[in-house]
Every structure is written in C-alpha cells, then in structure tokens.
C-alpha cells in the first residue's frame, strides 16, 4: 500500500493530542498485513512509477553514453534523473502493516514507512537538485569568470549533490525520530505531535523548506538570467557567434522555465494543502479524503515529467536515445557533445566573459 493510502487509513485522532501510551492487557499483537485494493489511486501510482522508472533510467543512460559527465548542467540533470528514478521506485504500491507490535522492529518499521521516509527524502533531493541547476545556470550566465574557476574544481558538483542528499536525510531523520511511533494502544503506526504548536511549527518549516525556498531561488535566478541574456543581445546584436550563444542560452532558460513551472504545478498543491492542514485551515478529514488522494497522486507525476520535456525540447536528447538503442557506434564528436549545453560551449563562454566585462 502506498503513502497516500497509508495516510488515509492511519489514526488521525492522535495528530494534535498526546497519545496514551499506557500498555494494554498482556496481549501479544503480531504482524498483520493489508492487501492492495487496486483503487484508482493505487493504479495511478503504479502508472507514474513505471513511467518514472523507465523515463529517468533512459535519461541517465543517454547522458552517460554521451560522455557528458564533464558538463556541469548535464551532470546535474543526471543527478536530477537519479533522484526522480528513486522517487518513482518508492511510489510503487506495496502491502503495508495493519497491526504492528510494540517492539524495536515495529518502531523501526513505522519510522521507515508511515510518512514515506525514503520517498520524501528523494522528493526533496530532487527539488534541491533542480534548485542547484538554476543556480548553476545563473552563475554560468551572470558570473561566467567565477563560474569557470568554480567548475575547474572537479569535485564541486559531487560535493553539492552530496550535501543535498545528506541534508535531506538529516531533516527527515530528525522528523521521523521524534514524530512517528508504533502506538502500543492501537498497534498501528501513528504520526504523533505532543501539542498543536508543534504541529503548526512543523507545517511552517516543511512548507518553507520543501517548497517556498527552492521555488523562490529558482524564480529569482531565472529572472536574473533573462535580464543578463537581454543585455547580451543588446550589446552584441548582429554578431553571429554571440547570437548563436544567446540563442543557446535562451533555449536552456526556456527549458528550465518549463521544468520549474511543471515542478510548481505538480509539487505545489500537496505542499500548500499540507501546510493549510497543519495550521488548522483544512479539517482532519482532509487527510485520506478524495482530494488528498488526488493531490498525492498528482504530486508523484512530477518525477516522470522531465524525461518527456527533454524528449520534446531537445533534438540532441532524441538523438542520444536513438544512439542508445542503435547497434551503430556513435562518432567521437557526437559522444562528446553535451545534451543540455551548447555545442560551441567554449565559444559561448568566451563571448560571455567578454560581455561580462562591458
């Protein structure tokens, strides 16, 4: 059973009250399991999982085959595809426990499954990798000299991606360790808040951390990139080499704008509605209701949209996919070509450096 269904069936009366942890009679409760009922939400979850696994795996393989690991944007795109690939795996519907014993194993099971620990770690890592791509493009366009010096350090991208994953694990690890228990009264996994203030505080923190901060950074960097590209076009109007550079950068800007808009549309409703729930605007009956189930399913499709966008937007990516399934070996020039960045990246950066000094 997936996260949406688990949330729908858990005991919500303990969300804002202290759970009575007094042990019941000496009755040993063993594990029992729910069956997947294959409702519309489970079917849609399975469809998004299959699409996300296949699509993002193709992105990873295509970028690897093109040997674009030295290109910063392609490297970050690969990291984004990997995060979305994991997200798609963790959204596959699986049976969940109906009753959980109050034991160390039961406590561990609840902390790993009730709030979708691995799922939301991957979700959040995906969001912040997308934010990192926006910052990387911002630095490449607005501060090209500093960007070239920064990218000369081969480990920089690895450090950035590692920090994103570590922070995502730590934030959710702290939340899981304190807010999720195996309730020895109901023998179910329970999301537990000692006070309503704790619930509201968590709501504000998660809304800012998972949605407001990455979206604001993405939007601000895209505005600065658009302004800088406009300045480039004014300064070097009519020069063919620079014109090619501007068109290439504009193309990446439009791609990132589409990816960010899709992210906001698919990821935003779930974050906003959970925020409204934690501050008391939405009633407890919202969790597990039809609207909540639909929003959760809608959110999971964020992980399978980016491969579709790449296929539609980039002829280079379609070429990479054809080469992936072709028996013919690709030429050296093709294999070294980046998918997201321009073919003439060296020329682009020189002209960008020149324009930055004007």
Protein backbone atom coordinates (compact mmCIF):
# COMPACT_ATOMS: atom_id res chain seq x y z
CA UNK A 1 0.00 0.00 0.00
CA UNK A 2 1.40 3.41 -0.93
CA UNK A 3 1.91 6.51 1.18
CA UNK A 4 -1.40 8.13 0.23
CA UNK A 5 -3.41 5.08 1.27
CA UNK A 6 -1.36 4.67 4.44
CA UNK A 7 -2.06 8.25 5.36
CA UNK A 8 -5.73 7.69 4.58
CA UNK A 9 -6.04 4.76 6.97
CA UNK A 10 -3.96 5.90 9.92
CA UNK A 11 -5.48 7.08 13.19
CA UNK A 12 -5.61 10.88 12.94
CA UNK A 13 -7.06 11.47 16.40
CA UNK A 14 -3.53 11.42 17.78
CA UNK A 15 -2.25 14.13 15.49
CA UNK A 16 -2.68 17.01 17.97
CA UNK A 17 -3.03 15.21 21.28
CA UNK A 18 -0.64 13.32 23.46
CA UNK A 19 -1.08 9.62 22.81
CA UNK A 20 -1.99 7.49 25.80
CA UNK A 21 0.94 5.14 25.89
CA UNK A 22 -0.20 3.11 28.87
CA UNK A 23 0.13 -0.58 27.96
CA UNK A 24 -3.00 -2.61 27.47
CA UNK A 25 -3.59 -6.08 28.81
CA UNK A 26 -0.85 -8.65 28.33
CA UNK A 27 -1.93 -9.50 24.83
CA UNK A 28 0.76 -10.02 22.26
CA UNK A 29 -0.05 -8.36 18.96
CA UNK A 30 1.69 -9.87 15.96
CA UNK A 31 2.17 -8.52 12.46
CA UNK A 32 -0.81 -8.47 10.10
CA UNK A 33 -0.90 -7.06 6.60
CA UNK A 34 -3.33 -5.15 4.42
CA UNK A 35 -3.96 -6.15 0.84
CA UNK A 36 -3.67 -3.71 -2.03
CA UNK A 37 -7.23 -3.00 -3.17
CA UNK A 38 -6.07 -1.52 -6.51
CA UNK A 39 -8.28 1.53 -6.31
CA UNK A 40 -7.79 4.35 -8.79
CA UNK A 41 -5.06 5.91 -6.61
CA UNK A 42 -3.02 2.70 -6.49
CA UNK A 43 -3.38 2.21 -10.24
CA UNK A 44 -2.32 5.79 -10.97
CA UNK A 45 0.59 5.45 -8.57
CA UNK A 46 1.73 2.32 -10.38
CA UNK A 47 1.46 4.08 -13.76
CA UNK A 48 3.53 7.05 -12.54
CA UNK A 49 6.11 4.65 -11.06
CA UNK A 50 6.53 2.72 -14.31
CA UNK A 51 6.75 5.90 -16.40
CA UNK A 52 9.22 7.49 -13.97
CA UNK A 53 11.45 4.43 -13.71
CA UNK A 54 11.65 3.88 -17.46
CA UNK A 55 11.90 7.58 -18.41
CA UNK A 56 14.53 8.59 -15.87
CA UNK A 57 16.58 5.45 -16.48
CA UNK A 58 16.71 6.38 -20.17
CA UNK A 59 17.85 9.91 -19.24
CA UNK A 60 20.65 8.52 -17.06
CA UNK A 61 21.81 6.06 -19.72
CA UNK A 62 21.60 8.60 -22.54
CA UNK A 63 23.64 11.19 -20.67
CA UNK A 64 26.20 8.58 -19.66
CA UNK A 65 26.54 7.26 -23.20
CA UNK A 66 27.14 10.77 -24.49
CA UNK A 67 30.07 11.11 -22.07
CA UNK A 68 28.79 14.47 -20.88
CA UNK A 69 29.90 13.99 -17.29
CA UNK A 70 32.32 16.91 -17.60
CA UNK A 71 29.49 19.30 -18.47
CA UNK A 72 28.04 20.75 -15.29
CA UNK A 73 24.43 21.08 -16.43
CA UNK A 74 24.32 17.56 -17.87
CA UNK A 75 25.85 16.21 -14.65
CA UNK A 76 23.19 17.92 -12.55
CA UNK A 77 20.49 16.72 -14.95
CA UNK A 78 21.78 13.19 -14.41
CA UNK A 79 21.59 13.70 -10.64
CA UNK A 80 18.03 15.01 -11.00
CA UNK A 81 17.05 12.00 -13.09
CA UNK A 82 18.57 9.68 -10.47
CA UNK A 83 16.57 11.35 -7.67
CA UNK A 84 13.38 11.09 -9.74
CA UNK A 85 14.22 7.47 -10.56
CA UNK A 86 14.40 6.66 -6.83
CA UNK A 87 11.20 8.60 -6.19
CA UNK A 88 9.42 6.50 -8.81
CA UNK A 89 10.65 3.30 -7.18
CA UNK A 90 9.40 4.38 -3.75
CA UNK A 91 5.93 5.21 -5.11
CA UNK A 92 5.29 1.61 -6.23
CA UNK A 93 2.26 0.35 -4.26
CA UNK A 94 3.26 -2.34 -1.76
CA UNK A 95 1.32 -4.05 1.07
CA UNK A 96 1.51 -2.30 4.45
CA UNK A 97 1.08 -3.48 8.00
CA UNK A 98 -2.42 -3.44 9.52
CA UNK A 99 -1.09 -4.12 13.02
CA UNK A 100 2.41 -3.54 14.29
CA UNK A 101 3.87 -4.99 17.52
CA UNK A 102 5.32 -2.57 20.05
CA UNK A 103 8.87 -3.81 19.55
CA UNK A 104 12.13 -2.31 18.24
CA UNK A 105 11.39 -3.84 14.84
CA UNK A 106 7.85 -2.43 14.88
CA UNK A 107 9.14 1.03 15.82
CA UNK A 108 11.73 0.86 13.03
CA UNK A 109 9.12 -0.25 10.51
CA UNK A 110 6.82 2.67 11.37
CA UNK A 111 9.60 5.24 11.19
CA UNK A 112 10.67 3.99 7.76
CA UNK A 113 7.23 3.60 6.17
CA UNK A 114 4.48 5.76 7.70
CA UNK A 115 5.45 9.19 6.35
CA UNK A 116 7.19 7.71 3.29
CA UNK A 117 10.67 8.43 4.62
CA UNK A 118 12.69 7.36 1.57
CA UNK A 119 10.04 8.73 -0.80
CA UNK A 120 10.14 12.23 0.63
CA UNK A 121 13.93 12.22 1.01
CA UNK A 122 14.12 11.54 -2.75
CA UNK A 123 11.37 14.10 -3.45
CA UNK A 124 13.21 16.80 -1.51
CA UNK A 125 16.59 15.93 -3.02
CA UNK A 126 15.01 16.24 -6.46
CA UNK A 127 13.66 19.70 -5.57
CA UNK A 128 17.03 20.97 -4.35
CA UNK A 129 18.96 19.49 -7.26
CA UNK A 130 16.58 21.39 -9.56
CA UNK A 131 17.36 24.49 -7.49
CA UNK A 132 21.08 23.75 -7.91
CA UNK A 133 20.63 23.61 -11.69
CA UNK A 134 19.02 27.06 -11.60
CA UNK A 135 21.91 28.44 -9.53
CA UNK A 136 24.45 26.77 -11.86
CA UNK A 137 22.85 28.38 -14.92
CA UNK A 138 22.70 31.72 -13.08
CA UNK A 139 26.42 31.61 -12.32
CA UNK A 140 27.28 30.50 -15.87
CA UNK A 141 25.42 33.42 -17.44
CA UNK A 142 25.77 36.24 -14.91
CA UNK A 143 29.24 35.45 -13.46
CA UNK A 144 30.99 33.41 -16.19
CA UNK A 145 34.57 34.06 -15.00
CA UNK A 146 33.85 32.95 -11.46
CA UNK A 147 31.81 30.04 -12.81
CA UNK A 148 34.71 28.78 -14.93
CA UNK A 149 37.03 28.95 -11.92
CA UNK A 150 34.47 27.14 -9.76
CA UNK A 151 33.88 24.39 -12.31
CA UNK A 152 37.63 23.86 -12.60
CA UNK A 153 37.30 22.03 -9.29
CA UNK A 154 36.16 18.62 -10.45
CA UNK A 155 34.75 17.64 -7.05
CA UNK A 156 32.49 20.70 -6.73
CA UNK A 157 29.36 19.17 -8.24
CA UNK A 158 29.87 15.95 -6.29
CA UNK A 159 30.10 17.98 -3.07
CA UNK A 160 26.95 19.96 -3.88
CA UNK A 161 24.92 16.85 -4.74
CA UNK A 162 26.21 15.01 -1.65
CA UNK A 163 25.26 17.92 0.64
CA UNK A 164 21.74 17.97 -0.82
CA UNK A 165 21.23 14.26 -0.10
CA UNK A 166 22.80 14.45 3.38
CA UNK A 167 20.65 17.42 4.44
CA UNK A 168 17.51 15.74 3.07
CA UNK A 169 18.26 12.61 5.10
CA UNK A 170 19.03 14.60 8.25
CA UNK A 171 15.89 16.75 8.13
CA UNK A 172 13.58 13.80 7.62
CA UNK A 173 15.60 11.64 10.01
CA UNK A 174 15.04 14.13 12.85
CA UNK A 175 11.35 14.38 11.99
CA UNK A 176 10.94 10.59 11.85
CA UNK A 177 12.84 10.01 15.09
CA UNK A 178 10.60 12.37 17.05
CA UNK A 179 7.18 12.34 15.37
CA UNK A 180 6.48 8.72 14.35
CA UNK A 181 5.73 5.88 16.76
CA UNK A 182 4.30 2.39 16.80
CA UNK A 183 1.32 3.06 19.08
CA UNK A 184 1.15 0.32 21.72
CA UNK A 185 -2.56 1.07 22.30
CA UNK A 186 -3.84 0.88 18.71
CA UNK A 187 -0.91 -1.22 17.43
CA UNK A 188 -0.67 0.99 14.36
CA UNK A 189 1.92 3.41 13.04
CA UNK A 190 0.99 6.88 14.29
CA UNK A 191 2.12 10.37 13.46
CA UNK A 192 2.43 11.97 16.88
CA UNK A 193 2.56 15.64 17.89
CA UNK A 194 2.72 16.47 21.63
CA UNK A 195 0.99 19.82 21.13
CA UNK A 196 -0.84 21.75 18.45
CA UNK A 197 2.00 24.30 18.45
CA UNK A 198 4.43 21.54 17.44
CA UNK A 199 2.14 20.60 14.58
CA UNK A 200 1.88 24.21 13.36
CA UNK A 201 5.65 24.72 13.66
CA UNK A 202 6.29 21.62 11.58
CA UNK A 203 3.81 22.86 8.98
CA UNK A 204 5.57 26.20 8.56
CA UNK A 205 9.03 24.61 8.48
CA UNK A 206 8.12 21.94 5.91
CA UNK A 207 6.28 24.42 3.68
CA UNK A 208 9.26 26.79 3.61
CA UNK A 209 11.90 24.06 3.38
CA UNK A 210 10.23 21.85 0.77
CA UNK A 211 8.52 24.47 -1.40
CA UNK A 212 8.97 28.20 -0.70
CA UNK A 213 12.78 28.27 -0.53
CA UNK A 214 13.55 26.21 -3.67
CA UNK A 215 10.82 27.92 -5.71
CA UNK A 216 11.93 31.42 -4.71
CA UNK A 217 15.57 30.67 -5.55
CA UNK A 218 14.57 29.15 -8.92
CA UNK A 219 12.35 32.08 -9.88
CA UNK A 220 14.85 34.76 -8.82
CA UNK A 221 17.76 33.13 -10.67
CA UNK A 222 15.67 32.74 -13.82
CA UNK A 223 14.75 36.45 -13.73
CA UNK A 224 18.42 37.43 -13.41
CA UNK A 225 19.37 35.07 -16.25
CA UNK A 226 16.68 36.56 -18.51
CA UNK A 227 17.89 40.10 -17.75
CA UNK A 228 21.52 39.20 -18.43
CA UNK A 229 20.71 37.49 -21.71
CA UNK A 230 18.76 40.57 -22.77
CA UNK A 231 21.83 42.70 -22.04
CA UNK A 232 23.97 40.32 -24.12
CA UNK A 233 21.60 40.61 -27.06
CA UNK A 234 21.69 44.43 -26.89
CA UNK A 235 25.50 44.68 -26.61
CA UNK A 236 26.32 42.15 -29.35
CA UNK A 237 23.40 42.49 -31.72
CA UNK A 238 24.33 41.28 -35.21
CA UNK A 239 27.44 39.30 -34.24
CA UNK A 240 26.91 35.73 -35.45
CA UNK A 241 28.99 33.87 -32.84
CA UNK A 242 27.45 35.74 -29.94
CA UNK A 243 23.99 35.44 -31.48
CA UNK A 244 24.40 31.66 -31.50
CA UNK A 245 25.50 31.79 -27.88
CA UNK A 246 22.49 33.87 -26.86
CA UNK A 247 20.08 31.55 -28.66
CA UNK A 248 21.65 28.53 -26.96
CA UNK A 249 21.41 30.09 -23.52
CA UNK A 250 17.86 31.27 -24.19
CA UNK A 251 16.98 27.72 -25.10
CA UNK A 252 18.26 26.41 -21.78
CA UNK A 253 16.45 29.26 -19.99
CA UNK A 254 13.16 28.27 -21.62
CA UNK A 255 13.76 24.61 -20.76
CA UNK A 256 14.41 25.45 -17.11
CA UNK A 257 11.34 27.68 -17.02
CA UNK A 258 9.18 24.80 -18.25
CA UNK A 259 10.71 22.36 -15.74
CA UNK A 260 10.18 24.85 -12.89
CA UNK A 261 6.57 25.54 -13.90
CA UNK A 262 5.85 21.79 -14.01
CA UNK A 263 7.50 21.45 -10.60
CA UNK A 264 5.33 24.21 -9.11
CA UNK A 265 2.13 22.82 -10.64
CA UNK A 266 2.72 19.23 -9.52
CA UNK A 267 4.58 19.72 -6.23
CA UNK A 268 2.85 22.90 -5.02
CA UNK A 269 -0.74 21.72 -4.32
CA UNK A 270 0.38 18.95 -1.98
CA UNK A 271 2.74 21.22 -0.03
CA UNK A 272 0.23 24.05 0.21
CA UNK A 273 -2.64 21.80 1.29
CA UNK A 274 -0.49 20.06 3.93
CA UNK A 275 0.51 23.49 5.24
CA UNK A 276 -3.16 24.52 5.46
CA UNK A 277 -3.90 21.28 7.26
CA UNK A 278 -1.15 21.75 9.87
CA UNK A 279 -2.26 25.30 10.70
CA UNK A 280 -5.88 24.19 11.05
CA UNK A 281 -7.44 25.70 7.92
CA UNK A 282 -8.25 22.27 6.47
CA UNK A 283 -10.07 19.83 8.77
CA UNK A 284 -8.58 16.47 9.88
CA UNK A 285 -10.97 14.74 7.47
CA UNK A 286 -8.94 16.20 4.59
CA UNK A 287 -6.21 13.58 5.19
CA UNK A 288 -7.30 10.44 3.42
CA UNK A 289 -10.17 12.14 1.61
CA UNK A 290 -10.67 12.13 -2.17
CA UNK A 291 -8.96 15.50 -2.65
CA UNK A 292 -5.94 14.43 -0.61
CA UNK A 293 -5.60 11.17 -2.55
CA UNK A 294 -5.82 13.02 -5.87
CA UNK A 295 -3.20 15.60 -4.83
CA UNK A 296 -0.77 12.90 -3.66
CA UNK A 297 -1.16 11.02 -6.95
CA UNK A 298 -0.75 14.28 -8.89
CA UNK A 299 2.47 15.01 -6.97
CA UNK A 300 4.06 11.69 -7.94
CA UNK A 301 3.79 12.55 -11.64
CA UNK A 302 6.38 15.28 -11.18
CA UNK A 303 9.03 12.54 -11.23
CA UNK A 304 8.11 11.27 -14.69
CA UNK A 305 7.55 14.61 -16.46
CA UNK A 306 11.15 15.74 -17.00
CA UNK A 307 12.09 12.94 -19.46
CA UNK A 308 9.05 13.87 -21.55
CA UNK A 309 10.13 17.52 -21.53
CA UNK A 310 13.67 16.62 -22.62
CA UNK A 311 12.40 14.45 -25.49
CA UNK A 312 10.09 17.19 -26.75
CA UNK A 313 12.54 20.05 -26.25
CA UNK A 314 15.94 18.70 -27.28
CA UNK A 315 16.68 17.09 -30.66
CA UNK A 316 20.06 16.17 -29.13
CA UNK A 317 18.31 14.13 -26.49
CA UNK A 318 16.21 12.32 -29.09
CA UNK A 319 19.43 11.60 -30.98
CA UNK A 320 21.01 10.27 -27.79
CA UNK A 321 18.07 7.92 -27.27
CA UNK A 322 18.34 6.65 -30.84
CA UNK A 323 22.04 6.01 -30.34
CA UNK A 324 21.25 4.23 -27.07
CA UNK A 325 19.20 1.62 -28.93
CA UNK A 326 21.26 1.65 -32.11
CA UNK A 327 23.82 -1.00 -32.99
CA UNK A 328 25.91 1.61 -34.79
CA UNK A 329 28.71 3.15 -32.71
CA UNK A 330 28.40 6.88 -32.20
CA UNK A 331 31.12 9.15 -33.54
CA UNK A 332 33.58 10.78 -31.18
CA UNK A 333 32.12 14.20 -31.85
CA UNK A 334 28.62 13.04 -31.04
CA UNK A 335 29.67 11.17 -27.90
CA UNK A 336 31.45 14.21 -26.53
CA UNK A 337 28.55 16.57 -27.23
CA UNK A 338 26.54 17.78 -24.28
CA UNK A 339 22.79 17.40 -24.48
CA UNK A 340 21.74 20.42 -22.45
CA UNK A 341 24.56 22.80 -23.17
CA UNK A 342 25.59 24.27 -26.49
CA UNK A 343 27.88 22.51 -28.94
CA UNK A 344 30.07 25.59 -29.04
CA UNK A 345 30.28 25.97 -25.29
CA UNK A 346 33.88 27.18 -25.39
CA UNK A 347 32.95 29.97 -27.80
CA UNK A 348 29.87 30.76 -25.75
CA UNK A 349 31.86 31.15 -22.58
CA UNK A 350 34.47 33.38 -24.23
CA UNK A 351 31.79 35.70 -25.58
CA UNK A 352 30.00 35.62 -22.24
CA UNK A 353 33.24 36.55 -20.48
CA UNK A 354 33.74 39.43 -22.89
CA UNK A 355 30.21 40.73 -22.40
CA UNK A 356 30.55 40.46 -18.64
CA UNK A 357 33.39 42.96 -18.71
CA UNK A 358 31.39 45.60 -20.56
